[in-house]
């Protein structure tokens, strides 16, 4: 169930933005997932490229140690 954050999150540049928060409970743990800030297609591509590069670095490190990938 999505709910609005109790306090608006403040963007680094000082803009106040209300963002949706999805709240889950697992046992005694409260998990809150906050929706990301709006991004341009170029920003999204840079983030995805960074994720892919990190994944390949992990694969290469494991393979270099002789571990299964």
Protein backbone atom coordinates (compact mmCIF):
# COMPACT_ATOMS: atom_id res chain seq x y z
CA UNK A 1 0.00 0.00 0.00
CA UNK A 2 1.50 3.34 -1.03
CA UNK A 3 1.33 6.30 1.26
CA UNK A 4 2.61 9.84 1.12
CA UNK A 5 5.64 10.59 3.28
CA UNK A 6 4.79 12.29 6.56
CA UNK A 7 7.42 14.94 5.90
CA UNK A 8 8.34 16.03 2.40
CA UNK A 9 11.84 14.95 1.45
CA UNK A 10 14.19 17.79 0.61
CA UNK A 11 16.05 17.59 -2.67
CA UNK A 12 19.76 18.35 -2.54
CA UNK A 13 19.18 21.57 -4.46
CA UNK A 14 16.72 22.65 -1.78
CA UNK A 15 13.48 21.89 -3.62
CA UNK A 16 10.76 20.40 -1.40
CA UNK A 17 9.18 17.38 -3.05
CA UNK A 18 6.58 14.96 -1.77
CA UNK A 19 7.39 11.42 -2.78
CA UNK A 20 5.42 8.22 -2.34
CA UNK A 21 6.60 5.79 0.31
CA UNK A 22 5.76 2.09 0.17
CA UNK A 23 5.81 0.59 3.66
CA UNK A 24 6.22 -3.12 4.39
CA UNK A 25 6.69 -5.03 7.63
CA UNK A 26 8.74 -8.23 7.92
CA UNK A 27 8.56 -9.47 11.49
CA UNK A 28 9.77 -6.60 13.67
CA UNK A 29 11.43 -4.82 10.73
CA UNK A 30 9.75 -1.86 9.06
CA UNK A 31 10.81 -1.43 5.43
CA UNK A 32 10.09 1.84 3.64
CA UNK A 33 10.82 2.18 -0.06
CA UNK A 34 10.81 5.79 -1.25
CA UNK A 35 10.16 6.50 -4.91
CA UNK A 36 13.18 7.99 -6.68
CA UNK A 37 13.45 11.56 -7.85
CA UNK A 38 12.41 12.26 -11.44
CA UNK A 39 15.26 11.61 -13.88
CA UNK A 40 15.91 12.38 -17.53
CA UNK A 41 16.47 9.51 -19.96
CA UNK A 42 20.18 10.40 -20.02
CA UNK A 43 20.42 10.19 -16.22
CA UNK A 44 18.64 6.83 -16.23
CA UNK A 45 21.05 5.53 -18.89
CA UNK A 46 24.06 6.64 -16.80
CA UNK A 47 22.69 4.85 -13.72
CA UNK A 48 22.01 1.66 -15.70
CA UNK A 49 25.50 1.77 -17.24
CA UNK A 50 27.01 2.13 -13.75
CA UNK A 51 24.99 -0.88 -12.49
CA UNK A 52 26.06 -2.99 -15.46
CA UNK A 53 29.72 -1.97 -15.04
CA UNK A 54 29.60 -2.89 -11.33
CA UNK A 55 28.05 -6.25 -12.19
CA UNK A 56 30.77 -7.03 -14.72
CA UNK A 57 33.46 -6.01 -12.21
CA UNK A 58 32.00 -8.51 -9.73
CA UNK A 59 31.85 -11.25 -12.39
CA UNK A 60 35.46 -10.61 -13.44
CA UNK A 61 36.66 -10.64 -9.81
CA UNK A 62 34.90 -13.94 -9.08
CA UNK A 63 36.20 -15.49 -12.30
CA UNK A 64 39.72 -14.25 -11.47
CA UNK A 65 39.51 -16.09 -8.14
CA UNK A 66 38.31 -19.22 -9.90
CA UNK A 67 34.86 -19.10 -8.34
CA UNK A 68 31.69 -20.11 -10.18
CA UNK A 69 29.79 -17.29 -11.77
